[in-house]
Amino acid sequence: MNTEEINTKKKPIVLIDKSLDFFNDKVLFPKKVEKANEMLRKTGLPGMSKAL
């Protein structure tokens, strides 16, 4: 598919702010991250039975 064939009216244009890279290595919500990790340890990830 060429770039001319892509309908840009229906696709959003996303600009990424480089100043947000400051937060890459920081945990903003440690309690929520711990809770999510605990839930994943107990139940695990869902199986991928269907092909995408």
Protein backbone atom coordinates (compact mmCIF):
# COMPACT_ATOMS: atom_id res chain seq x y z
CA MET A 1 0.00 0.00 0.00
CA ASN A 2 1.43 3.36 -1.01
CA THR A 3 1.24 6.44 1.15
CA GLU A 4 -1.05 8.01 -1.44
CA GLU A 5 -3.59 5.20 -0.93
CA ILE A 6 -3.92 5.75 2.83
CA ASN A 7 -6.96 7.81 3.77
CA THR A 8 -5.55 10.32 6.26
CA LYS A 9 -8.93 11.86 7.06
CA LYS A 10 -9.93 8.80 9.10
CA LYS A 11 -6.58 8.29 10.81
CA PRO A 12 -5.46 10.56 13.64
CA ILE A 13 -2.12 12.29 13.52
CA VAL A 14 -0.25 11.67 16.76
CA LEU A 15 2.66 13.80 17.91
CA ILE A 16 4.81 12.38 20.70
CA ASP A 17 6.16 14.85 23.22
CA LYS A 18 9.84 14.07 23.86
CA SER A 19 9.76 15.76 27.27
CA LEU A 20 7.75 12.78 28.57
CA ASP A 21 10.85 10.56 28.23
CA PHE A 22 11.70 11.81 31.73
CA PHE A 23 9.12 9.36 33.13
CA ASN A 24 10.41 6.24 31.31
CA ASP A 25 12.28 4.72 34.27
CA LYS A 26 9.97 5.92 37.05
CA VAL A 27 7.09 4.00 38.62
CA LEU A 28 4.31 6.55 38.99
CA PHE A 29 1.79 4.36 40.83
CA PRO A 30 3.74 1.74 42.83
CA LYS A 31 0.71 0.39 44.72
CA LYS A 32 -1.22 -0.22 41.51
CA VAL A 33 1.80 -1.84 39.85
CA GLU A 34 2.25 -4.17 42.83
CA LYS A 35 -1.45 -5.09 42.78
CA ALA A 36 -1.33 -5.80 39.04
CA ASN A 37 1.78 -7.95 39.43
CA GLU A 38 0.14 -9.89 42.25
CA MET A 39 -2.96 -10.53 40.14
CA LEU A 40 -0.80 -11.72 37.24
CA ARG A 41 1.10 -14.08 39.54
CA LYS A 42 -2.17 -15.61 40.78
CA THR A 43 -4.10 -15.91 37.52
CA GLY A 44 -1.54 -15.56 34.73
CA LEU A 45 -2.13 -14.24 31.25
CA PRO A 46 -5.06 -15.44 29.13
CA GLY A 47 -4.33 -18.04 26.48
CA MET A 48 -4.10 -17.07 22.85
CA SER A 49 -6.32 -19.75 21.33
CA LYS A 50 -7.54 -17.64 18.40
CA ALA A 51 -5.21 -16.62 15.61
CA LEU A 52 -5.16 -12.90 14.97
